[in-house]
Structures are given as C-alpha cells and as structure tokens.
Amino acid sequence: MTYLYFHLVFILPVIFVFWYLRRMERQSDLPLQKTGIAILAIIALTYTTPWDNYLVASKIWTYGEGRVLDSLVIGYVPIEEYMFFILQPIMTGTFLLLMAQRHRKGCDAFAQPLARGKASLLGASVYLLISLFGVICLTLLTEKFTYLGLILTWACPVLAFQWGYGGGTLWQHRKLLQEAVLFPTFYLWVVDLIAIEWRIWHILPETSTEWVIITLPIE
C-alpha cells in the first residue's frame, strides 16, 4: 500500500463518517466550528513542517521504497506527509465537535470565557517538566533516545501553553476531553502500527528506544 492509498483507506473515510454523523444529528451549531478546525490544521502544518523535515533529513524517519510520490517532495518530505499534517486535525477536530454536540455542557464550553486556576498551573508545569526530560534525552542520554527527545521537545511545549492558557476549561470539561482524545488516539495508534508493519514508513532503530507496546514503538 502506498502512502496516498493509506489516506484513501484509513483517514478520509473516517473524516467523512464523522462529518456525516454531525450532519445527521444537527442538534446545534457550535460557534466558529469550521474556522476553528481550519486554524488548527494551519497551525499543525506550520509547526510540524520544519520538525518533520529534520526527522527525514536526519534519516530518523524514512519511507518504504515506492510508497510515496517522489516527484512531489517539498524539502525532504513527500506531499502525502503534508496531507497527514492537515487531515489529522480535521479528523480529530470533527470528532471533537461530534462529541461536543452530544453533550450540552460541551456545546456551552465553546461559548464560555476560558477558565484558568490551579488546573492551568498544574497542567502547564507537568508538560514543561516533560519537555525538560525531552531536552535531557537529546543532550545527556544515548542516541537511542533521540526520537523520543525530539517528540517531547516538539509536542509538550504546545500542551504546556494550552493548559496554561485555558487549563481550567479543559479540566471542567474533562469528560468531553477524554472522549475526544482517546478514540482518535487509539485509532491512529492502530493505523500507525499497520503503516509500520507494511513499511509505508519506518523509524530508524539506532535513534529509537525500540520499546514497544503490542509491537508499536513507544514514540
């Protein structure tokens, strides 16, 4: 299977199903729903592009022979990977809206002012500490911790900012947050495992801890 077919089989149909379910229920219109998802997709594309180009340029992350469109590579990364940057937040964002639509309080969360408080400070502190561990992985530990360190130093500052900015709201609506995060995460774990097993993409063993959960690398 090529990377493009991977999108056609595992990502685009899921987006369509979530969108269709929202259209069928149509309980309420949430403010700025389309704009919000579009902004998230742009942020994901902008923030992930230099990071992923570094991974591919450093051979930490590679693709199987014949699995990507070599004629449509931007920088070091194939066009299919850029598509993934955009499609993932569209998929997860649409699922969040579907779950929020089924929770009256979830709908209210989109219209209320952001809450902060102790949850904001605690959440931001936790993710900053994890970011610091990522720096330690890159500077003090062996090459095996390179990919893990790069992931933590890339993702956790964003999560720290998110919790610092509106952690009180996230905590108030934690049930909705759990539902909106757990299902897409589990699904993407499964399809990532499939893609690795089918050699659509590959993680360099020398820069990976090679710790696995059900054969899926911990990174």
C-alpha atoms as a PDB file:
ATOM      1  CA  MET A   1       0.000   0.000   0.000  1.00  0.00           C
ATOM      2  CA  THR A   2       1.272   3.483  -0.862  1.00  0.00           C
ATOM      3  CA  TYR A   3       1.043   6.451   1.487  1.00  0.00           C
ATOM      4  CA  LEU A   4      -1.618   8.024  -0.741  1.00  0.00           C
ATOM      5  CA  TYR A   5      -3.782   4.886  -0.614  1.00  0.00           C
ATOM      6  CA  PHE A   6      -3.266   4.871   3.155  1.00  0.00           C
ATOM      7  CA  HIS A   7      -5.089   8.211   3.303  1.00  0.00           C
ATOM      8  CA  LEU A   8      -7.831   6.973   0.994  1.00  0.00           C
ATOM      9  CA  VAL A   9      -8.425   3.843   3.089  1.00  0.00           C
ATOM     10  CA  PHE A  10      -7.785   4.873   6.706  1.00  0.00           C
ATOM     11  CA  ILE A  11      -8.145   8.653   7.051  1.00  0.00           C
ATOM     12  CA  LEU A  12     -10.530  10.204   4.528  1.00  0.00           C
ATOM     13  CA  PRO A  13     -13.390   7.700   5.097  1.00  0.00           C
ATOM     14  CA  VAL A  14     -13.247   8.346   8.859  1.00  0.00           C
ATOM     15  CA  ILE A  15     -13.467  12.100   8.292  1.00  0.00           C
ATOM     16  CA  PHE A  16     -16.473  11.553   6.045  1.00  0.00           C
ATOM     17  CA  VAL A  17     -18.197   9.335   8.639  1.00  0.00           C
ATOM     18  CA  PHE A  18     -17.694  11.900  11.423  1.00  0.00           C
ATOM     19  CA  TRP A  19     -18.903  14.698   9.157  1.00  0.00           C
ATOM     20  CA  TYR A  20     -21.943  12.663   8.084  1.00  0.00           C
ATOM     21  CA  LEU A  21     -22.888  11.833  11.681  1.00  0.00           C
ATOM     22  CA  ARG A  22     -22.711  15.510  12.595  1.00  0.00           C
ATOM     23  CA  ARG A  23     -24.923  16.400   9.654  1.00  0.00           C
ATOM     24  CA  MET A  24     -27.431  13.715  10.610  1.00  0.00           C
ATOM     25  CA  GLU A  25     -27.715  14.798  14.243  1.00  0.00           C
ATOM     26  CA  ARG A  26     -27.527  18.526  13.660  1.00  0.00           C
ATOM     27  CA  GLN A  27     -28.543  19.284  17.232  1.00  0.00           C
ATOM     28  CA  SER A  28     -26.847  22.643  17.446  1.00  0.00           C
ATOM     29  CA  ASP A  29     -24.396  24.836  15.617  1.00  0.00           C
ATOM     30  CA  LEU A  30     -21.200  25.444  17.547  1.00  0.00           C
ATOM     31  CA  PRO A  31     -19.553  28.850  17.118  1.00  0.00           C
ATOM     32  CA  LEU A  32     -16.625  29.111  14.700  1.00  0.00           C
ATOM     33  CA  GLN A  33     -16.535  25.344  14.192  1.00  0.00           C
ATOM     34  CA  LYS A  34     -15.213  25.361  10.633  1.00  0.00           C
ATOM     35  CA  THR A  35     -12.889  28.270  11.314  1.00  0.00           C
ATOM     36  CA  GLY A  36     -11.511  26.548  14.408  1.00  0.00           C
ATOM     37  CA  ILE A  37     -10.672  23.345  12.571  1.00  0.00           C
ATOM     38  CA  ALA A  38      -9.106  25.291   9.703  1.00  0.00           C
ATOM     39  CA  ILE A  39      -6.930  27.254  12.145  1.00  0.00           C
ATOM     40  CA  LEU A  40      -5.832  24.021  13.864  1.00  0.00           C
ATOM     41  CA  ALA A  41      -4.916  22.475  10.519  1.00  0.00           C
ATOM     42  CA  ILE A  42      -2.848  25.537   9.567  1.00  0.00           C
ATOM     43  CA  ILE A  43      -1.087  25.523  12.953  1.00  0.00           C
ATOM     44  CA  ALA A  44      -0.351  21.795  12.646  1.00  0.00           C
ATOM     45  CA  LEU A  45       1.048  22.223   9.130  1.00  0.00           C
ATOM     46  CA  THR A  46       3.183  25.234  10.065  1.00  0.00           C
ATOM     47  CA  TYR A  47       4.518  23.853  13.334  1.00  0.00           C
ATOM     48  CA  THR A  48       5.141  20.288  12.162  1.00  0.00           C
ATOM     49  CA  THR A  49       6.762  21.030   8.794  1.00  0.00           C
ATOM     50  CA  PRO A  50      10.276  22.030   9.997  1.00  0.00           C
ATOM     51  CA  TRP A  51      10.287  19.317  12.679  1.00  0.00           C
ATOM     52  CA  ASP A  52       9.321  16.536  10.278  1.00  0.00           C
ATOM     53  CA  ASN A  53      11.737  17.764   7.620  1.00  0.00           C
ATOM     54  CA  TYR A  54      14.515  17.489  10.196  1.00  0.00           C
ATOM     55  CA  LEU A  55      13.461  13.909  11.048  1.00  0.00           C
ATOM     56  CA  VAL A  56      13.508  12.842   7.408  1.00  0.00           C
ATOM     57  CA  ALA A  57      16.716  14.732   6.580  1.00  0.00           C
ATOM     58  CA  SER A  58      18.402  13.032   9.570  1.00  0.00           C
ATOM     59  CA  LYS A  59      17.095   9.595   8.476  1.00  0.00           C
ATOM     60  CA  ILE A  60      15.311   9.204  11.835  1.00  0.00           C
ATOM     61  CA  TRP A  61      12.113   8.738   9.865  1.00  0.00           C
ATOM     62  CA  THR A  62      12.052   7.199   6.380  1.00  0.00           C
ATOM     63  CA  TYR A  63       9.562   5.836   3.857  1.00  0.00           C
ATOM     64  CA  GLY A  64       9.391   2.497   2.107  1.00  0.00           C
ATOM     65  CA  GLU A  65      10.657   2.295  -1.447  1.00  0.00           C
ATOM     66  CA  GLY A  66       7.911   3.152  -3.926  1.00  0.00           C
ATOM     67  CA  ARG A  67       5.440   4.111  -1.162  1.00  0.00           C
ATOM     68  CA  VAL A  68       5.442   7.893  -1.750  1.00  0.00           C
ATOM     69  CA  LEU A  69       5.281  10.208  -4.751  1.00  0.00           C
ATOM     70  CA  ASP A  70       8.964  11.050  -5.227  1.00  0.00           C
ATOM     71  CA  SER A  71       8.092  13.723  -7.772  1.00  0.00           C
ATOM     72  CA  LEU A  72       6.063  15.633  -5.139  1.00  0.00           C
ATOM     73  CA  VAL A  73       8.594  16.090  -2.356  1.00  0.00           C
ATOM     74  CA  ILE A  74       8.760  19.507  -0.694  1.00  0.00           C
ATOM     75  CA  GLY A  75      12.004  19.938   1.190  1.00  0.00           C
ATOM     76  CA  TYR A  76      12.698  16.421   2.433  1.00  0.00           C
ATOM     77  CA  VAL A  77       9.079  15.395   2.996  1.00  0.00           C
ATOM     78  CA  PRO A  78       6.620  13.898   0.461  1.00  0.00           C
ATOM     79  CA  ILE A  79       3.312  15.585  -0.233  1.00  0.00           C
ATOM     80  CA  GLU A  80       1.430  12.728   1.464  1.00  0.00           C
ATOM     81  CA  GLU A  81       3.045  13.629   4.785  1.00  0.00           C
ATOM     82  CA  TYR A  82       1.924  17.242   4.480  1.00  0.00           C
ATOM     83  CA  MET A  83      -1.551  15.911   3.778  1.00  0.00           C
ATOM     84  CA  PHE A  84      -1.352  13.975   7.041  1.00  0.00           C
ATOM     85  CA  PHE A  85      -0.475  17.186   8.934  1.00  0.00           C
ATOM     86  CA  ILE A  86      -3.748  18.680   7.664  1.00  0.00           C
ATOM     87  CA  LEU A  87      -6.017  15.624   7.732  1.00  0.00           C
ATOM     88  CA  GLN A  88      -5.258  14.598  11.319  1.00  0.00           C
ATOM     89  CA  PRO A  89      -6.584  17.816  12.932  1.00  0.00           C
ATOM     90  CA  ILE A  90      -9.562  17.758  10.569  1.00  0.00           C
ATOM     91  CA  MET A  91     -10.360  14.203  11.672  1.00  0.00           C
ATOM     92  CA  THR A  92      -9.826  14.790  15.385  1.00  0.00           C
ATOM     93  CA  GLY A  93     -11.481  18.217  15.287  1.00  0.00           C
ATOM     94  CA  THR A  94     -14.584  16.851  13.587  1.00  0.00           C
ATOM     95  CA  PHE A  95     -14.769  14.078  16.173  1.00  0.00           C
ATOM     96  CA  LEU A  96     -14.461  16.653  18.977  1.00  0.00           C
ATOM     97  CA  LEU A  97     -17.358  18.622  17.508  1.00  0.00           C
ATOM     98  CA  LEU A  98     -19.407  15.421  17.217  1.00  0.00           C
ATOM     99  CA  MET A  99     -18.797  14.609  20.887  1.00  0.00           C
ATOM    100  CA  ALA A 100     -19.438  18.205  21.986  1.00  0.00           C
ATOM    101  CA  GLN A 101     -22.700  18.193  20.069  1.00  0.00           C
ATOM    102  CA  ARG A 102     -23.835  15.215  22.135  1.00  0.00           C
ATOM    103  CA  HIS A 103     -23.011  16.994  25.417  1.00  0.00           C
ATOM    104  CA  ARG A 104     -24.925  20.127  26.259  1.00  0.00           C
ATOM    105  CA  LYS A 105     -22.096  21.228  28.533  1.00  0.00           C
ATOM    106  CA  GLY A 106     -19.675  20.538  25.713  1.00  0.00           C
ATOM    107  CA  CYS A 107     -21.529  22.986  23.495  1.00  0.00           C
ATOM    108  CA  ASP A 108     -21.532  25.537  26.296  1.00  0.00           C
ATOM    109  CA  ALA A 109     -17.752  25.186  26.657  1.00  0.00           C
ATOM    110  CA  PHE A 110     -17.251  26.737  23.219  1.00  0.00           C
ATOM    111  CA  ALA A 111     -19.132  29.885  24.214  1.00  0.00           C
ATOM    112  CA  GLN A 112     -17.835  30.437  27.748  1.00  0.00           C
ATOM    113  CA  PRO A 113     -14.781  32.536  28.680  1.00  0.00           C
ATOM    114  CA  LEU A 114     -11.658  30.478  29.303  1.00  0.00           C
ATOM    115  CA  ALA A 115     -11.091  29.368  32.889  1.00  0.00           C
ATOM    116  CA  ARG A 116      -7.645  29.047  34.415  1.00  0.00           C
ATOM    117  CA  GLY A 117      -6.865  28.462  38.090  1.00  0.00           C
ATOM    118  CA  LYS A 118      -4.919  25.611  39.676  1.00  0.00           C
ATOM    119  CA  ALA A 119      -5.549  23.208  36.787  1.00  0.00           C
ATOM    120  CA  SER A 120      -3.798  25.605  34.412  1.00  0.00           C
ATOM    121  CA  LEU A 121      -0.717  25.896  36.592  1.00  0.00           C
ATOM    122  CA  LEU A 122      -0.521  22.160  37.292  1.00  0.00           C
ATOM    123  CA  GLY A 123      -1.073  21.099  33.687  1.00  0.00           C
ATOM    124  CA  ALA A 124       1.433  23.607  32.311  1.00  0.00           C
ATOM    125  CA  SER A 125       4.016  22.602  34.934  1.00  0.00           C
ATOM    126  CA  VAL A 126       3.662  18.891  34.142  1.00  0.00           C
ATOM    127  CA  TYR A 127       4.165  19.396  30.420  1.00  0.00           C
ATOM    128  CA  LEU A 128       7.090  21.750  30.940  1.00  0.00           C
ATOM    129  CA  LEU A 129       8.769  19.092  33.080  1.00  0.00           C
ATOM    130  CA  ILE A 130       8.180  16.516  30.349  1.00  0.00           C
ATOM    131  CA  SER A 131       9.684  18.988  27.851  1.00  0.00           C
ATOM    132  CA  LEU A 132      12.732  19.249  30.103  1.00  0.00           C
ATOM    133  CA  PHE A 133      13.032  15.458  30.075  1.00  0.00           C
ATOM    134  CA  GLY A 134      12.986  15.663  26.267  1.00  0.00           C
ATOM    135  CA  VAL A 135      15.932  18.056  26.385  1.00  0.00           C
ATOM    136  CA  ILE A 136      17.744  15.614  28.689  1.00  0.00           C
ATOM    137  CA  CYS A 137      17.087  12.816  26.185  1.00  0.00           C
ATOM    138  CA  LEU A 138      18.717  14.873  23.440  1.00  0.00           C
ATOM    139  CA  THR A 139      21.693  16.160  25.411  1.00  0.00           C
ATOM    140  CA  LEU A 140      22.603  13.672  28.134  1.00  0.00           C
ATOM    141  CA  LEU A 141      21.277  10.261  27.128  1.00  0.00           C
ATOM    142  CA  THR A 142      22.342   7.918  24.347  1.00  0.00           C
ATOM    143  CA  GLU A 143      21.431   8.155  20.667  1.00  0.00           C
ATOM    144  CA  LYS A 144      18.622   5.659  21.347  1.00  0.00           C
ATOM    145  CA  PHE A 145      16.622   8.454  22.991  1.00  0.00           C
ATOM    146  CA  THR A 146      16.907  10.881  20.044  1.00  0.00           C
ATOM    147  CA  TYR A 147      13.460  10.334  18.534  1.00  0.00           C
ATOM    148  CA  LEU A 148      11.763  10.299  21.943  1.00  0.00           C
ATOM    149  CA  GLY A 149      13.536  13.526  22.897  1.00  0.00           C
ATOM    150  CA  LEU A 150      12.550  15.214  19.638  1.00  0.00           C
ATOM    151  CA  ILE A 151       8.900  14.261  20.117  1.00  0.00           C
ATOM    152  CA  LEU A 152       8.762  15.518  23.711  1.00  0.00           C
ATOM    153  CA  THR A 153      10.527  18.820  22.982  1.00  0.00           C
ATOM    154  CA  TRP A 154       8.261  19.373  19.959  1.00  0.00           C
ATOM    155  CA  ALA A 155       4.859  18.456  21.428  1.00  0.00           C
ATOM    156  CA  CYS A 156       4.976  19.216  25.153  1.00  0.00           C
ATOM    157  CA  PRO A 157       5.633  22.996  24.990  1.00  0.00           C
ATOM    158  CA  VAL A 158       2.427  23.312  22.942  1.00  0.00           C
ATOM    159  CA  LEU A 159       0.496  21.285  25.514  1.00  0.00           C
ATOM    160  CA  ALA A 160       2.019  23.368  28.308  1.00  0.00           C
ATOM    161  CA  PHE A 161       0.825  26.538  26.585  1.00  0.00           C
ATOM    162  CA  GLN A 162      -2.635  25.043  26.026  1.00  0.00           C
ATOM    163  CA  TRP A 163      -3.040  24.121  29.684  1.00  0.00           C
ATOM    164  CA  GLY A 164      -1.558  27.388  30.883  1.00  0.00           C
ATOM    165  CA  TYR A 165      -3.927  29.349  28.664  1.00  0.00           C
ATOM    166  CA  GLY A 166      -7.150  27.507  29.431  1.00  0.00           C
ATOM    167  CA  GLY A 167      -6.460  24.542  31.693  1.00  0.00           C
ATOM    168  CA  GLY A 168      -9.421  25.336  33.912  1.00  0.00           C
ATOM    169  CA  THR A 169     -11.789  24.907  30.979  1.00  0.00           C
ATOM    170  CA  LEU A 170     -10.105  21.662  29.936  1.00  0.00           C
ATOM    171  CA  TRP A 171     -10.498  20.334  33.463  1.00  0.00           C
ATOM    172  CA  GLN A 172     -14.134  21.439  33.759  1.00  0.00           C
ATOM    173  CA  HIS A 173     -14.953  19.555  30.577  1.00  0.00           C
ATOM    174  CA  ARG A 174     -12.550  16.664  31.142  1.00  0.00           C
ATOM    175  CA  LYS A 175     -15.155  14.012  30.264  1.00  0.00           C
ATOM    176  CA  LEU A 176     -15.615  15.544  26.830  1.00  0.00           C
ATOM    177  CA  LEU A 177     -11.845  15.938  26.523  1.00  0.00           C
ATOM    178  CA  GLN A 178     -11.271  12.274  27.352  1.00  0.00           C
ATOM    179  CA  GLU A 179     -13.794  11.096  24.769  1.00  0.00           C
ATOM    180  CA  ALA A 180     -12.484  13.470  22.118  1.00  0.00           C
ATOM    181  CA  VAL A 181      -8.851  12.429  22.658  1.00  0.00           C
ATOM    182  CA  LEU A 182      -8.981   8.715  23.449  1.00  0.00           C
ATOM    183  CA  PHE A 183     -10.859   7.399  20.416  1.00  0.00           C
ATOM    184  CA  PRO A 184      -8.849   9.223  17.705  1.00  0.00           C
ATOM    185  CA  THR A 185      -5.624   8.408  19.573  1.00  0.00           C
ATOM    186  CA  PHE A 186      -6.427   4.703  19.747  1.00  0.00           C
ATOM    187  CA  TYR A 187      -7.469   4.648  16.088  1.00  0.00           C
ATOM    188  CA  LEU A 188      -4.299   6.443  14.977  1.00  0.00           C
ATOM    189  CA  TRP A 189      -2.212   4.024  17.063  1.00  0.00           C
ATOM    190  CA  VAL A 190      -3.760   1.129  15.157  1.00  0.00           C
ATOM    191  CA  VAL A 191      -3.292   2.625  11.687  1.00  0.00           C
ATOM    192  CA  ASP A 192       0.247   3.738  12.586  1.00  0.00           C
ATOM    193  CA  LEU A 193       1.046   0.167  13.564  1.00  0.00           C
ATOM    194  CA  ILE A 194      -0.368  -1.032  10.231  1.00  0.00           C
ATOM    195  CA  ALA A 195       1.693   1.532   8.298  1.00  0.00           C
ATOM    196  CA  ILE A 196       4.896   0.499  10.078  1.00  0.00           C
ATOM    197  CA  GLU A 197       4.195  -3.205   9.591  1.00  0.00           C
ATOM    198  CA  TRP A 198       3.502  -2.606   5.895  1.00  0.00           C
ATOM    199  CA  ARG A 199       6.675  -0.486   5.595  1.00  0.00           C
ATOM    200  CA  ILE A 200       4.865   2.634   4.420  1.00  0.00           C
ATOM    201  CA  TRP A 201       7.092   4.467   6.879  1.00  0.00           C
ATOM    202  CA  HIS A 202       9.922   3.352   9.092  1.00  0.00           C
ATOM    203  CA  ILE A 203      11.660   4.510  12.297  1.00  0.00           C
ATOM    204  CA  LEU A 204      15.440   4.185  12.379  1.00  0.00           C
ATOM    205  CA  PRO A 205      16.308   1.675  15.158  1.00  0.00           C
ATOM    206  CA  GLU A 206      19.556   3.456  16.053  1.00  0.00           C
ATOM    207  CA  THR A 207      17.681   6.593  17.179  1.00  0.00           C
ATOM    208  CA  SER A 208      14.695   4.827  18.748  1.00  0.00           C
ATOM    209  CA  THR A 209      14.400   3.294  22.209  1.00  0.00           C
ATOM    210  CA  GLU A 210      12.827   0.257  20.500  1.00  0.00           C
ATOM    211  CA  TRP A 211      10.469  -0.024  23.470  1.00  0.00           C
ATOM    212  CA  VAL A 212       7.202  -1.341  22.080  1.00  0.00           C
ATOM    213  CA  ILE A 213       3.601  -1.824  23.194  1.00  0.00           C
ATOM    214  CA  ILE A 214       1.948  -4.556  21.116  1.00  0.00           C
ATOM    215  CA  THR A 215       4.751  -4.070  18.547  1.00  0.00           C
ATOM    216  CA  LEU A 216       4.039  -0.307  18.252  1.00  0.00           C
ATOM    217  CA  PRO A 217       7.126   1.822  19.132  1.00  0.00           C
ATOM    218  CA  ILE A 218       6.610   3.864  22.291  1.00  0.00           C
ATOM    219  CA  GLU A 219       7.479   7.056  20.411  1.00  0.00           C
END
